[in-house]
Amino acid sequence: MTSKIGRLAAAFLITSALAMTAAYASEPIKGWWEAGGAPQDYDFGTEHVDGAPSQKSAFIKWIGPKSNSWGTLSQATSAAPYLGKRVRLSVMIKTKDADSAQLWLQMQGPGNKMLGFYNMDDRPVKGTTDWKRYDAVLDVPKDTQEIYFGYFLKGKGEAWADNVKIEAVGDEVPVSTQYPNKYPDKPANMDFKE
């Protein structure tokens, strides 16, 4: 009985090691980190894609088994050059059978306080699409320490990113918002009489 359990445990460990190897079969991308709700369910790397703006594009590909999670390629930079300004993250994205591909931008302050965030929840890229530019625009409060950004694939499919840029823009460029103010100016029916 003990040897049978030992063999099962060894088989499980070997299978797990092979699954982890398959999940990270591609070379890491310098300057970017792989993360997400279940990064082991995604493959990350770079490859040449016909019609891409540059020679290599970053990819995130679902390799299962979970299809209800997400994987992201992310990066962070100092906010110092952008303090008090407005920044735009622009990314060219292409998808194949994607449940949802999205870019994201976040302003991080002291004590890991989030000072601004946008992730395209209001306009995810779904299905199979050709290369298209997507933008995220946020103001950089004066106490911002780092700017985090990247793109992610939620669920199944494949997504490629290319021509990633982060730059200061003028006030004429509107800030991205996915939750516009839909609330009334004052409370209503507080005594439940209506």
Protein backbone atom coordinates (compact mmCIF):
# COMPACT_ATOMS: atom_id res chain seq x y z
CA MET A 1 0.00 0.00 0.00
CA THR A 2 2.78 2.43 0.96
CA SER A 3 4.71 1.77 -2.26
CA LYS A 4 1.53 2.35 -4.30
CA ILE A 5 1.00 5.73 -2.58
CA GLY A 6 4.67 6.53 -3.13
CA ARG A 7 4.39 5.72 -6.86
CA LEU A 8 1.23 7.85 -7.15
CA ALA A 9 2.94 10.74 -5.36
CA ALA A 10 6.00 10.45 -7.63
CA ALA A 11 3.78 10.33 -10.73
CA PHE A 12 1.93 13.43 -9.49
CA LEU A 13 5.20 15.31 -8.91
CA ILE A 14 6.55 14.40 -12.35
CA THR A 15 3.26 15.42 -14.01
CA SER A 16 3.28 18.70 -12.07
CA ALA A 17 6.87 19.41 -13.08
CA LEU A 18 6.08 18.72 -16.74
CA ALA A 19 3.01 20.96 -16.57
CA MET A 20 5.08 23.78 -15.08
CA THR A 21 7.72 23.30 -17.78
CA ALA A 22 5.04 23.46 -20.48
CA ALA A 23 3.53 26.57 -18.92
CA TYR A 24 6.87 28.35 -19.00
CA ALA A 25 8.24 26.83 -22.21
CA SER A 26 8.97 30.27 -23.68
CA GLU A 27 11.88 32.46 -22.62
CA PRO A 28 11.08 35.24 -20.13
CA ILE A 29 10.83 38.71 -21.67
CA LYS A 30 13.50 41.08 -20.33
CA GLY A 31 11.96 43.92 -18.29
CA TRP A 32 8.52 42.26 -18.03
CA TRP A 33 7.14 39.92 -15.42
CA GLU A 34 4.50 37.23 -15.78
CA ALA A 35 1.69 37.18 -13.25
CA GLY A 36 -2.05 36.75 -12.91
CA GLY A 37 -4.74 34.77 -11.16
CA ALA A 38 -3.30 31.51 -12.56
CA PRO A 39 -0.17 32.31 -14.58
CA GLN A 40 0.61 28.59 -14.87
CA ASP A 41 -2.40 28.31 -17.20
CA TYR A 42 -0.79 30.69 -19.71
CA ASP A 43 2.31 30.71 -21.88
CA PHE A 44 4.20 34.00 -22.24
CA GLY A 45 6.90 34.97 -24.70
CA THR A 46 7.74 36.74 -27.94
CA GLU A 47 7.42 35.70 -31.56
CA HIS A 48 7.24 37.11 -35.07
CA VAL A 49 3.64 37.75 -36.14
CA ASP A 50 2.76 38.59 -39.74
CA GLY A 51 1.48 42.15 -40.06
CA ALA A 52 2.89 43.22 -36.68
CA PRO A 53 4.35 46.72 -36.30
CA SER A 54 7.75 45.31 -35.25
CA GLN A 55 9.82 42.12 -35.67
CA LYS A 56 8.70 40.55 -32.38
CA SER A 57 5.45 40.77 -30.47
CA ALA A 58 4.75 39.67 -26.91
CA PHE A 59 2.16 36.95 -26.50
CA ILE A 60 -0.05 35.45 -23.83
CA LYS A 61 -1.63 32.11 -24.77
CA TRP A 62 -4.05 30.06 -22.72
CA ILE A 63 -2.77 26.51 -22.22
CA GLY A 64 -5.35 25.38 -19.62
CA PRO A 65 -6.76 23.69 -17.72
CA LYS A 66 -8.54 26.60 -15.97
CA SER A 67 -10.36 28.98 -18.27
CA ASN A 68 -11.81 31.26 -15.61
CA SER A 69 -8.59 33.02 -14.65
CA TRP A 70 -6.13 35.44 -16.24
CA GLY A 71 -2.48 35.96 -17.09
CA THR A 72 -0.64 39.25 -17.50
CA LEU A 73 2.63 40.67 -18.78
CA SER A 74 3.44 43.64 -16.57
CA GLN A 75 6.04 46.27 -15.90
CA ALA A 76 6.64 49.18 -13.51
CA THR A 77 8.51 52.44 -13.88
CA SER A 78 9.28 55.42 -11.68
CA ALA A 79 6.60 58.10 -11.77
CA ALA A 80 9.18 60.89 -11.26
CA PRO A 81 9.30 62.10 -14.91
CA TYR A 82 5.49 62.23 -15.09
CA LEU A 83 4.47 63.78 -11.73
CA GLY A 84 1.60 66.23 -12.10
CA LYS A 85 1.18 65.30 -15.77
CA ARG A 86 -1.22 63.14 -17.76
CA VAL A 87 0.12 59.92 -19.28
CA ARG A 88 -1.09 57.70 -22.07
CA LEU A 89 -0.30 54.02 -22.38
CA SER A 90 -0.80 52.87 -25.96
CA VAL A 91 -0.56 49.25 -27.09
CA MET A 92 -1.22 47.53 -30.39
CA ILE A 93 -3.25 44.35 -29.66
CA LYS A 94 -4.16 41.37 -31.85
CA THR A 95 -6.27 38.42 -30.62
CA LYS A 96 -7.31 34.92 -31.61
CA ASP A 97 -10.41 33.32 -30.04
CA ALA A 98 -9.89 35.52 -26.96
CA ASP A 99 -12.43 35.60 -24.16
CA SER A 100 -11.05 39.01 -23.18
CA ALA A 101 -7.77 40.85 -23.81
CA GLN A 102 -7.17 44.17 -22.06
CA LEU A 103 -4.44 46.66 -21.27
CA TRP A 104 -4.14 48.21 -17.83
CA LEU A 105 -2.55 51.26 -16.21
CA GLN A 106 -2.17 52.01 -12.49
CA MET A 107 -0.77 54.85 -10.37
CA GLN A 108 0.78 53.66 -7.09
CA GLY A 109 1.48 55.95 -4.12
CA PRO A 110 3.01 55.68 -0.64
CA GLY A 111 2.06 52.57 1.31
CA ASN A 112 0.98 50.84 -1.93
CA LYS A 113 -2.04 53.14 -2.13
CA MET A 114 -3.69 53.00 -5.56
CA LEU A 115 -4.10 56.56 -6.84
CA GLY A 116 -5.52 55.77 -10.26
CA PHE A 117 -6.51 52.69 -12.25
CA TYR A 118 -7.93 51.73 -15.65
CA ASN A 119 -8.13 48.27 -17.25
CA MET A 120 -10.49 48.38 -20.26
CA ASP A 121 -13.28 46.53 -18.44
CA ASP A 122 -15.62 48.83 -20.35
CA ARG A 123 -14.26 47.74 -23.76
CA PRO A 124 -12.42 44.40 -23.69
CA VAL A 125 -11.06 42.95 -26.94
CA LYS A 126 -12.92 39.70 -27.67
CA GLY A 127 -12.79 37.00 -30.31
CA THR A 128 -10.38 37.16 -33.23
CA THR A 129 -9.19 40.66 -34.15
CA ASP A 130 -6.44 42.19 -36.26
CA TRP A 131 -3.89 44.69 -34.95
CA LYS A 132 -5.50 47.77 -33.42
CA ARG A 133 -4.20 50.46 -31.09
CA TYR A 134 -5.76 50.82 -27.65
CA ASP A 135 -5.06 53.61 -25.15
CA ALA A 136 -5.36 54.12 -21.42
CA VAL A 137 -4.97 57.68 -20.08
CA LEU A 138 -4.61 58.72 -16.43
CA ASP A 139 -3.44 61.74 -14.47
CA VAL A 140 -0.34 61.22 -12.35
CA PRO A 141 -0.93 62.73 -8.88
CA LYS A 142 2.10 64.46 -7.35
CA ASP A 143 2.49 61.75 -4.67
CA THR A 144 2.63 58.88 -7.20
CA GLN A 145 5.74 56.74 -6.76
CA GLU A 146 5.41 54.09 -9.47
CA ILE A 147 3.42 53.57 -12.63
CA TYR A 148 2.39 49.96 -13.26
CA PHE A 149 1.15 48.85 -16.68
CA GLY A 150 0.73 45.91 -18.99
CA TYR A 151 -1.80 43.80 -20.79
CA PHE A 152 -3.65 40.63 -19.85
CA LEU A 153 -5.66 37.76 -21.25
CA LYS A 154 -8.70 36.70 -19.25
CA GLY A 155 -10.00 33.21 -19.98
CA LYS A 156 -9.19 31.31 -23.16
CA GLY A 157 -7.54 32.33 -26.40
CA GLU A 158 -4.40 34.14 -27.48
CA ALA A 159 -3.37 37.80 -27.39
CA TRP A 160 -0.37 39.62 -28.81
CA ALA A 161 0.94 43.08 -27.89
CA ASP A 162 3.28 45.30 -29.86
CA ASN A 163 4.47 48.90 -30.09
CA VAL A 164 3.94 49.59 -26.36
CA LYS A 165 4.44 53.26 -25.44
CA ILE A 166 3.96 55.34 -22.33
CA GLU A 167 4.15 59.10 -22.79
CA ALA A 168 3.06 62.40 -21.30
CA VAL A 169 0.11 64.01 -23.10
CA GLY A 170 -1.75 67.31 -22.81
CA ASP A 171 -5.00 68.02 -20.99
CA GLU A 172 -6.86 67.91 -24.32
CA VAL A 173 -6.54 64.09 -24.20
CA PRO A 174 -9.42 62.82 -22.04
CA VAL A 175 -8.76 60.61 -19.03
CA SER A 176 -9.93 57.00 -19.36
CA THR A 177 -12.86 56.17 -17.16
CA GLN A 178 -14.87 52.99 -17.10
CA TYR A 179 -17.27 54.01 -14.38
CA PRO A 180 -18.86 57.34 -15.33
CA ASN A 181 -20.86 59.14 -12.66
CA LYS A 182 -24.38 57.71 -12.97
CA TYR A 183 -25.50 58.74 -9.51
CA PRO A 184 -27.97 61.51 -8.58
CA ASP A 185 -26.70 64.78 -7.10
CA LYS A 186 -28.34 64.08 -3.73
CA PRO A 187 -29.83 61.11 -1.83
CA ALA A 188 -33.47 60.22 -2.52
CA ASN A 189 -36.35 58.69 -0.57
CA MET A 190 -34.37 58.47 2.66
CA ASP A 191 -37.57 57.91 4.71
CA PHE A 192 -38.93 55.25 2.29
CA LYS A 193 -42.25 57.12 1.87
CA GLU A 194 -42.19 57.17 -1.93
